[in-house]
C-alpha atoms as a PDB file:
ATOM      1  CA  UNK A   1      15.848 253.866-176.820  1.00  0.00           C
ATOM      2  CA  UNK A   2      15.674 250.158-176.276  1.00  0.00           C
ATOM      3  CA  UNK A   3      19.084 248.493-176.291  1.00  0.00           C
ATOM      4  CA  UNK A   4      19.478 245.153-178.005  1.00  0.00           C
ATOM      5  CA  UNK A   5      20.425 242.346-175.685  1.00  0.00           C
ATOM      6  CA  UNK A   6      24.038 241.258-176.175  1.00  0.00           C
ATOM      7  CA  UNK A   7      25.792 238.211-174.783  1.00  0.00           C
ATOM      8  CA  UNK A   8      28.981 238.921-172.861  1.00  0.00           C
ATOM      9  CA  UNK A   9      32.031 238.232-175.001  1.00  0.00           C
ATOM     10  CA  UNK A  10      33.245 235.556-172.603  1.00  0.00           C
ATOM     11  CA  UNK A  11      30.018 233.614-173.152  1.00  0.00           C
ATOM     12  CA  UNK A  12      30.418 233.856-176.901  1.00  0.00           C
ATOM     13  CA  UNK A  13      33.931 232.446-176.547  1.00  0.00           C
ATOM     14  CA  UNK A  14      32.615 229.692-174.283  1.00  0.00           C
ATOM     15  CA  UNK A  15      29.936 228.726-176.799  1.00  0.00           C
ATOM     16  CA  UNK A  16      32.501 228.711-179.582  1.00  0.00           C
ATOM     17  CA  UNK A  17      34.813 226.519-177.561  1.00  0.00           C
ATOM     18  CA  UNK A  18      31.919 224.229-176.710  1.00  0.00           C
ATOM     19  CA  UNK A  19      31.147 223.791-180.387  1.00  0.00           C
ATOM     20  CA  UNK A  20      34.782 223.054-181.131  1.00  0.00           C
ATOM     21  CA  UNK A  21      35.002 220.513-178.328  1.00  0.00           C
ATOM     22  CA  UNK A  22      31.870 218.756-179.574  1.00  0.00           C
ATOM     23  CA  UNK A  23      33.257 218.556-183.089  1.00  0.00           C
ATOM     24  CA  UNK A  24      36.587 217.222-181.904  1.00  0.00           C
ATOM     25  CA  UNK A  25      35.022 214.666-179.576  1.00  0.00           C
ATOM     26  CA  UNK A  26      32.815 213.443-182.420  1.00  0.00           C
ATOM     27  CA  UNK A  27      35.787 212.665-184.664  1.00  0.00           C
ATOM     28  CA  UNK A  28      35.903 208.948-185.513  1.00  0.00           C
ATOM     29  CA  UNK A  29      38.115 206.806-183.319  1.00  0.00           C
ATOM     30  CA  UNK A  30      40.641 204.769-185.276  1.00  0.00           C
ATOM     31  CA  UNK A  31      40.648 201.175-184.035  1.00  0.00           C
ATOM     32  CA  UNK A  32      43.344 198.736-185.141  1.00  0.00           C
ATOM     33  CA  UNK A  33      43.212 194.964-185.382  1.00  0.00           C
ATOM     34  CA  UNK A  34      45.376 192.456-187.238  1.00  0.00           C
ATOM     35  CA  UNK A  35      42.900 190.819-189.566  1.00  0.00           C
ATOM     36  CA  UNK A  36      44.907 187.581-189.835  1.00  0.00           C
ATOM     37  CA  UNK A  37      43.861 185.665-186.699  1.00  0.00           C
ATOM     38  CA  UNK A  38      40.555 183.873-187.278  1.00  0.00           C
ATOM     39  CA  UNK A  39      38.252 183.639-185.471  1.00  0.00           C
ATOM     40  CA  UNK A  40      39.481 186.757-183.655  1.00  0.00           C
ATOM     41  CA  UNK A  41      40.126 188.954-186.658  1.00  0.00           C
ATOM     42  CA  UNK A  42      40.096 188.194-190.353  1.00  0.00           C
ATOM     43  CA  UNK A  43      38.981 189.631-193.672  1.00  0.00           C
ATOM     44  CA  UNK A  44      35.741 187.966-194.785  1.00  0.00           C
ATOM     45  CA  UNK A  45      34.623 187.101-198.321  1.00  0.00           C
ATOM     46  CA  UNK A  46      33.224 190.589-198.806  1.00  0.00           C
ATOM     47  CA  UNK A  47      36.546 192.182-197.883  1.00  0.00           C
ATOM     48  CA  UNK A  48      35.362 193.401-194.476  1.00  0.00           C
ATOM     49  CA  UNK A  49      37.179 192.973-191.180  1.00  0.00           C
ATOM     50  CA  UNK A  50      35.322 190.388-189.113  1.00  0.00           C
ATOM     51  CA  UNK A  51      35.799 188.211-186.049  1.00  0.00           C
ATOM     52  CA  UNK A  52      35.508 188.259-182.279  1.00  0.00           C
ATOM     53  CA  UNK A  53      37.882 191.203-181.815  1.00  0.00           C
ATOM     54  CA  UNK A  54      36.176 193.314-184.455  1.00  0.00           C
ATOM     55  CA  UNK A  55      32.703 192.541-183.083  1.00  0.00           C
ATOM     56  CA  UNK A  56      33.874 193.515-179.601  1.00  0.00           C
ATOM     57  CA  UNK A  57      35.353 196.736-180.991  1.00  0.00           C
ATOM     58  CA  UNK A  58      32.081 197.617-182.712  1.00  0.00           C
ATOM     59  CA  UNK A  59      30.064 196.813-179.571  1.00  0.00           C
ATOM     60  CA  UNK A  60      32.311 199.071-177.483  1.00  0.00           C
ATOM     61  CA  UNK A  61      31.995 201.918-179.966  1.00  0.00           C
ATOM     62  CA  UNK A  62      28.200 201.588-179.941  1.00  0.00           C
ATOM     63  CA  UNK A  63      28.191 201.577-176.143  1.00  0.00           C
ATOM     64  CA  UNK A  64      30.373 204.708-176.041  1.00  0.00           C
ATOM     65  CA  UNK A  65      28.200 206.260-178.783  1.00  0.00           C
ATOM     66  CA  UNK A  66      31.295 206.947-180.848  1.00  0.00           C
ATOM     67  CA  UNK A  67      31.891 206.478-184.544  1.00  0.00           C
ATOM     68  CA  UNK A  68      34.867 204.195-185.142  1.00  0.00           C
ATOM     69  CA  UNK A  69      37.015 203.381-188.150  1.00  0.00           C
ATOM     70  CA  UNK A  70      38.382 199.832-188.101  1.00  0.00           C
ATOM     71  CA  UNK A  71      41.823 199.522-189.628  1.00  0.00           C
ATOM     72  CA  UNK A  72      43.927 196.442-190.397  1.00  0.00           C
ATOM     73  CA  UNK A  73      47.456 196.845-189.011  1.00  0.00           C
ATOM     74  CA  UNK A  74      50.295 194.323-188.875  1.00  0.00           C
ATOM     75  CA  UNK A  75      51.141 193.042-185.384  1.00  0.00           C
ATOM     76  CA  UNK A  76      54.599 194.635-185.358  1.00  0.00           C
ATOM     77  CA  UNK A  77      53.080 198.035-186.189  1.00  0.00           C
ATOM     78  CA  UNK A  78      50.201 198.122-183.684  1.00  0.00           C
ATOM     79  CA  UNK A  79      52.050 199.939-180.904  1.00  0.00           C
ATOM     80  CA  UNK A  80      54.127 202.159-183.242  1.00  0.00           C
ATOM     81  CA  UNK A  81      50.917 203.289-184.964  1.00  0.00           C
ATOM     82  CA  UNK A  82      49.437 204.284-181.592  1.00  0.00           C
ATOM     83  CA  UNK A  83      52.630 206.078-180.594  1.00  0.00           C
ATOM     84  CA  UNK A  84      52.555 207.974-183.889  1.00  0.00           C
ATOM     85  CA  UNK A  85      48.984 209.114-183.188  1.00  0.00           C
ATOM     86  CA  UNK A  86      47.468 207.310-186.154  1.00  0.00           C
ATOM     87  CA  UNK A  87      45.536 204.769-184.030  1.00  0.00           C
ATOM     88  CA  UNK A  88      43.493 205.495-180.896  1.00  0.00           C
ATOM     89  CA  UNK A  89      43.138 201.984-179.534  1.00  0.00           C
ATOM     90  CA  UNK A  90      43.818 198.408-180.542  1.00  0.00           C
ATOM     91  CA  UNK A  91      41.604 195.333-180.142  1.00  0.00           C
ATOM     92  CA  UNK A  92      44.028 192.616-181.197  1.00  0.00           C
ATOM     93  CA  UNK A  93      44.289 189.932-178.503  1.00  0.00           C
ATOM     94  CA  UNK A  94      47.258 191.700-176.932  1.00  0.00           C
ATOM     95  CA  UNK A  95      48.677 190.441-173.635  1.00  0.00           C
ATOM     96  CA  UNK A  96      49.830 193.044-171.130  1.00  0.00           C
ATOM     97  CA  UNK A  97      53.570 192.963-170.459  1.00  0.00           C
ATOM     98  CA  UNK A  98      55.842 195.359-168.584  1.00  0.00           C
ATOM     99  CA  UNK A  99      57.570 196.389-171.794  1.00  0.00           C
ATOM    100  CA  UNK A 100      54.314 197.128-173.607  1.00  0.00           C
ATOM    101  CA  UNK A 101      52.874 198.942-170.583  1.00  0.00           C
ATOM    102  CA  UNK A 102      55.726 201.450-170.810  1.00  0.00           C
ATOM    103  CA  UNK A 103      54.529 202.399-174.286  1.00  0.00           C
ATOM    104  CA  UNK A 104      50.722 202.100-174.152  1.00  0.00           C
ATOM    105  CA  UNK A 105      47.977 201.870-171.541  1.00  0.00           C
ATOM    106  CA  UNK A 106      45.738 198.843-171.113  1.00  0.00           C
ATOM    107  CA  UNK A 107      42.082 198.359-170.253  1.00  0.00           C
ATOM    108  CA  UNK A 108      40.765 195.591-168.043  1.00  0.00           C
ATOM    109  CA  UNK A 109      41.043 192.223-169.767  1.00  0.00           C
ATOM    110  CA  UNK A 110      38.347 191.245-172.254  1.00  0.00           C
ATOM    111  CA  UNK A 111      39.174 187.538-172.582  1.00  0.00           C
ATOM    112  CA  UNK A 112      41.565 184.943-171.182  1.00  0.00           C
ATOM    113  CA  UNK A 113      43.582 182.234-172.858  1.00  0.00           C
ATOM    114  CA  UNK A 114      46.202 179.569-172.294  1.00  0.00           C
ATOM    115  CA  UNK A 115      48.861 178.352-174.716  1.00  0.00           C
ATOM    116  CA  UNK A 116      49.089 174.893-176.251  1.00  0.00           C
ATOM    117  CA  UNK A 117      51.311 173.153-178.772  1.00  0.00           C
ATOM    118  CA  UNK A 118      49.768 171.960-182.027  1.00  0.00           C
ATOM    119  CA  UNK A 119      51.195 169.241-184.218  1.00  0.00           C
ATOM    120  CA  UNK A 120      50.864 165.659-185.402  1.00  0.00           C
ATOM    121  CA  UNK A 121      49.690 163.504-182.450  1.00  0.00           C
ATOM    122  CA  UNK A 122      51.132 160.404-184.113  1.00  0.00           C
ATOM    123  CA  UNK A 123      54.574 161.932-183.587  1.00  0.00           C
ATOM    124  CA  UNK A 124      54.266 163.799-180.297  1.00  0.00           C
ATOM    125  CA  UNK A 125      52.608 163.462-176.920  1.00  0.00           C
ATOM    126  CA  UNK A 126      55.268 164.699-174.484  1.00  0.00           C
ATOM    127  CA  UNK A 127      55.964 168.416-174.839  1.00  0.00           C
ATOM    128  CA  UNK A 128      58.520 168.788-172.064  1.00  0.00           C
ATOM    129  CA  UNK A 129      61.763 170.613-172.913  1.00  0.00           C
ATOM    130  CA  UNK A 130      63.635 167.321-172.696  1.00  0.00           C
ATOM    131  CA  UNK A 131      61.286 165.536-175.108  1.00  0.00           C
ATOM    132  CA  UNK A 132      61.406 168.373-177.642  1.00  0.00           C
ATOM    133  CA  UNK A 133      65.170 168.832-177.663  1.00  0.00           C
ATOM    134  CA  UNK A 134      66.343 169.054-181.269  1.00  0.00           C
ATOM    135  CA  UNK A 135      62.875 169.692-182.700  1.00  0.00           C
ATOM    136  CA  UNK A 136      61.758 172.831-184.554  1.00  0.00           C
ATOM    137  CA  UNK A 137      59.212 174.897-182.623  1.00  0.00           C
ATOM    138  CA  UNK A 138      57.454 177.763-184.403  1.00  0.00           C
ATOM    139  CA  UNK A 139      55.707 180.739-182.828  1.00  0.00           C
ATOM    140  CA  UNK A 140      55.162 184.448-183.451  1.00  0.00           C
ATOM    141  CA  UNK A 141      57.942 186.895-182.717  1.00  0.00           C
ATOM    142  CA  UNK A 142      57.489 189.476-179.935  1.00  0.00           C
ATOM    143  CA  UNK A 143      54.911 187.276-178.185  1.00  0.00           C
ATOM    144  CA  UNK A 144      54.781 185.747-174.724  1.00  0.00           C
ATOM    145  CA  UNK A 145      55.050 182.349-176.397  1.00  0.00           C
ATOM    146  CA  UNK A 146      58.333 183.342-178.065  1.00  0.00           C
ATOM    147  CA  UNK A 147      59.776 184.519-174.760  1.00  0.00           C
ATOM    148  CA  UNK A 148      58.632 181.316-173.061  1.00  0.00           C
ATOM    149  CA  UNK A 149      60.256 179.049-175.658  1.00  0.00           C
ATOM    150  CA  UNK A 150      63.496 181.003-175.615  1.00  0.00           C
ATOM    151  CA  UNK A 151      63.648 180.777-171.826  1.00  0.00           C
ATOM    152  CA  UNK A 152      62.589 177.151-171.337  1.00  0.00           C
ATOM    153  CA  UNK A 153      63.461 175.237-174.520  1.00  0.00           C
ATOM    154  CA  UNK A 154      67.173 175.994-174.995  1.00  0.00           C
ATOM    155  CA  UNK A 155      67.862 172.754-176.859  1.00  0.00           C
ATOM    156  CA  UNK A 156      65.078 173.189-179.417  1.00  0.00           C
ATOM    157  CA  UNK A 157      65.280 175.212-182.615  1.00  0.00           C
ATOM    158  CA  UNK A 158      62.981 178.201-182.143  1.00  0.00           C
ATOM    159  CA  UNK A 159      61.545 179.594-185.380  1.00  0.00           C
ATOM    160  CA  UNK A 160      60.005 183.067-185.052  1.00  0.00           C
ATOM    161  CA  UNK A 161      57.393 184.205-187.556  1.00  0.00           C
ATOM    162  CA  UNK A 162      55.582 187.447-188.322  1.00  0.00           C
ATOM    163  CA  UNK A 163      52.096 186.115-187.568  1.00  0.00           C
ATOM    164  CA  UNK A 164      50.011 183.010-186.881  1.00  0.00           C
ATOM    165  CA  UNK A 165      49.343 182.146-190.553  1.00  0.00           C
ATOM    166  CA  UNK A 166      53.105 181.968-191.130  1.00  0.00           C
ATOM    167  CA  UNK A 167      53.523 179.799-188.037  1.00  0.00           C
ATOM    168  CA  UNK A 168      50.846 177.377-189.196  1.00  0.00           C
ATOM    169  CA  UNK A 169      52.173 177.315-192.750  1.00  0.00           C
ATOM    170  CA  UNK A 170      55.540 176.152-191.396  1.00  0.00           C
ATOM    171  CA  UNK A 171      53.739 173.398-189.495  1.00  0.00           C
ATOM    172  CA  UNK A 172      51.703 172.299-192.520  1.00  0.00           C
ATOM    173  CA  UNK A 173      54.727 172.318-194.831  1.00  0.00           C
ATOM    174  CA  UNK A 174      56.840 170.285-192.423  1.00  0.00           C
ATOM    175  CA  UNK A 175      59.323 173.106-191.864  1.00  0.00           C
ATOM    176  CA  UNK A 176      58.348 173.152-188.180  1.00  0.00           C
ATOM    177  CA  UNK A 177      57.598 170.144-185.988  1.00  0.00           C
ATOM    178  CA  UNK A 178      55.256 171.926-183.586  1.00  0.00           C
ATOM    179  CA  UNK A 179      53.548 175.296-183.329  1.00  0.00           C
ATOM    180  CA  UNK A 180      52.895 177.115-180.069  1.00  0.00           C
ATOM    181  CA  UNK A 181      50.111 179.671-179.811  1.00  0.00           C
ATOM    182  CA  UNK A 182      47.042 180.639-177.799  1.00  0.00           C
ATOM    183  CA  UNK A 183      44.766 177.623-177.410  1.00  0.00           C
ATOM    184  CA  UNK A 184      41.827 179.631-178.732  1.00  0.00           C
ATOM    185  CA  UNK A 185      43.746 181.022-181.708  1.00  0.00           C
ATOM    186  CA  UNK A 186      44.570 177.473-182.825  1.00  0.00           C
ATOM    187  CA  UNK A 187      40.935 176.327-182.735  1.00  0.00           C
ATOM    188  CA  UNK A 188      39.951 177.620-186.177  1.00  0.00           C
ATOM    189  CA  UNK A 189      43.006 176.031-187.812  1.00  0.00           C
ATOM    190  CA  UNK A 190      42.412 172.656-186.159  1.00  0.00           C
ATOM    191  CA  UNK A 191      38.772 172.619-187.272  1.00  0.00           C
ATOM    192  CA  UNK A 192      39.649 172.973-190.962  1.00  0.00           C
ATOM    193  CA  UNK A 193      39.414 169.799-193.144  1.00  0.00           C
ATOM    194  CA  UNK A 194      42.971 170.289-194.411  1.00  0.00           C
ATOM    195  CA  UNK A 195      44.250 170.197-190.811  1.00  0.00           C
ATOM    196  CA  UNK A 196      42.885 166.724-190.051  1.00  0.00           C
ATOM    197  CA  UNK A 197      46.352 165.326-189.240  1.00  0.00           C
ATOM    198  CA  UNK A 198      46.963 168.005-186.614  1.00  0.00           C
ATOM    199  CA  UNK A 199      45.627 168.417-183.097  1.00  0.00           C
ATOM    200  CA  UNK A 200      46.470 169.933-179.751  1.00  0.00           C
ATOM    201  CA  UNK A 201      49.527 168.212-178.300  1.00  0.00           C
ATOM    202  CA  UNK A 202      49.418 167.786-174.552  1.00  0.00           C
ATOM    203  CA  UNK A 203      47.425 169.880-172.124  1.00  0.00           C
ATOM    204  CA  UNK A 204      47.509 173.685-172.049  1.00  0.00           C
ATOM    205  CA  UNK A 205      50.860 174.732-170.623  1.00  0.00           C
ATOM    206  CA  UNK A 206      50.682 175.653-166.967  1.00  0.00           C
ATOM    207  CA  UNK A 207      53.509 178.190-166.857  1.00  0.00           C
ATOM    208  CA  UNK A 208      52.270 181.379-165.229  1.00  0.00           C
ATOM    209  CA  UNK A 209      53.721 183.564-167.986  1.00  0.00           C
ATOM    210  CA  UNK A 210      51.478 181.802-170.515  1.00  0.00           C
ATOM    211  CA  UNK A 211      48.208 182.288-168.637  1.00  0.00           C
ATOM    212  CA  UNK A 212      47.490 185.324-170.735  1.00  0.00           C
ATOM    213  CA  UNK A 213      44.715 187.855-170.563  1.00  0.00           C
ATOM    214  CA  UNK A 214      43.914 189.868-173.650  1.00  0.00           C
ATOM    215  CA  UNK A 215      43.578 193.606-173.153  1.00  0.00           C
ATOM    216  CA  UNK A 216      42.695 196.564-175.298  1.00  0.00           C
ATOM    217  CA  UNK A 217      45.724 198.801-175.803  1.00  0.00           C
ATOM    218  CA  UNK A 218      45.136 202.559-175.669  1.00  0.00           C
ATOM    219  CA  UNK A 219      47.438 205.368-176.699  1.00  0.00           C
ATOM    220  CA  UNK A 220      49.368 206.758-173.719  1.00  0.00           C
ATOM    221  CA  UNK A 221      47.740 209.716-172.012  1.00  0.00           C
ATOM    222  CA  UNK A 222      44.213 209.046-173.301  1.00  0.00           C
ATOM    223  CA  UNK A 223      42.838 208.679-169.780  1.00  0.00           C
ATOM    224  CA  UNK A 224      39.228 209.510-170.625  1.00  0.00           C
ATOM    225  CA  UNK A 225      39.160 207.035-173.494  1.00  0.00           C
ATOM    226  CA  UNK A 226      40.649 204.399-171.199  1.00  0.00           C
ATOM    227  CA  UNK A 227      37.901 205.017-168.607  1.00  0.00           C
ATOM    228  CA  UNK A 228      35.190 205.017-171.268  1.00  0.00           C
ATOM    229  CA  UNK A 229      36.418 201.708-172.686  1.00  0.00           C
ATOM    230  CA  UNK A 230      36.505 200.065-169.256  1.00  0.00           C
ATOM    231  CA  UNK A 231      32.968 201.259-168.545  1.00  0.00           C
ATOM    232  CA  UNK A 232      31.801 200.035-171.946  1.00  0.00           C
ATOM    233  CA  UNK A 233      33.424 196.638-171.356  1.00  0.00           C
ATOM    234  CA  UNK A 234      31.506 196.276-168.111  1.00  0.00           C
ATOM    235  CA  UNK A 235      28.277 197.395-169.765  1.00  0.00           C
ATOM    236  CA  UNK A 236      28.436 194.893-172.650  1.00  0.00           C
ATOM    237  CA  UNK A 237      29.160 192.150-170.141  1.00  0.00           C
ATOM    238  CA  UNK A 238      26.079 193.088-168.128  1.00  0.00           C
ATOM    239  CA  UNK A 239      23.650 193.587-171.016  1.00  0.00           C
ATOM    240  CA  UNK A 240      24.446 190.268-172.703  1.00  0.00           C
ATOM    241  CA  UNK A 241      26.198 191.683-175.774  1.00  0.00           C
ATOM    242  CA  UNK A 242      29.516 190.116-174.832  1.00  0.00           C
ATOM    243  CA  UNK A 243      27.981 186.671-174.334  1.00  0.00           C
ATOM    244  CA  UNK A 244      26.232 186.825-177.716  1.00  0.00           C
ATOM    245  CA  UNK A 245      29.509 187.656-179.448  1.00  0.00           C
ATOM    246  CA  UNK A 246      31.315 184.920-177.482  1.00  0.00           C
ATOM    247  CA  UNK A 247      28.755 182.276-178.549  1.00  0.00           C
ATOM    248  CA  UNK A 248      29.002 183.369-182.173  1.00  0.00           C
ATOM    249  CA  UNK A 249      32.642 182.272-182.327  1.00  0.00           C
ATOM    250  CA  UNK A 250      33.316 179.794-179.512  1.00  0.00           C
ATOM    251  CA  UNK A 251      31.499 176.808-177.998  1.00  0.00           C
ATOM    252  CA  UNK A 252      32.766 177.814-174.531  1.00  0.00           C
ATOM    253  CA  UNK A 253      33.211 180.988-172.506  1.00  0.00           C
ATOM    254  CA  UNK A 254      36.537 182.730-173.002  1.00  0.00           C
ATOM    255  CA  UNK A 255      35.971 185.455-170.395  1.00  0.00           C
END
């Protein structure tokens, strides 16, 4: 009698586990961005998330050969959403700080920026703490700019907002005298026809704590994803994808 060939039970289990692992690994990655910081992230006329950050996120997902779901999340909820397991990683122009690094992991930087004041150049040229004593300075809460103003401009009124659009609205409405943000983030606002009276005020600030690098934040413990993202970042830099995205949004390199 010829016996039918049978796989050992341990191999059957291994194959089953392999199938499960493949299915799990193929689950879409949830990627968060703010959607309110043009040209980095914004909702376009068709209702889709667009911008430098979102294009970088899509390029990284293609490089990793992973399906990704882009999700708009408010700045204050980016890290909590990762901690809750609802977001895998965040591409949202986030600077690495000691406090944030205790809660999430960070990739290598994907762009660099300085910070500059914006306002009416007919009113301001000197942005030293002494010159701005008594003036209203607006910036986003929980940012390196907010910490800088609170530490170095004790005699100014510091107005903290939820996001950049709120900061700029205070400037436009006259409820703030100056706005402080990333030099690059201010570019889109300053190029708009309705912002003709505003410009950069002074040179980019030279304080070390404001020489920020933007990183991708990854949920704690996702070591493989962190490695994959760093490898993908290097790959899109080498194959020209990063440069093409950079030129789409900026007239200069931001790397």
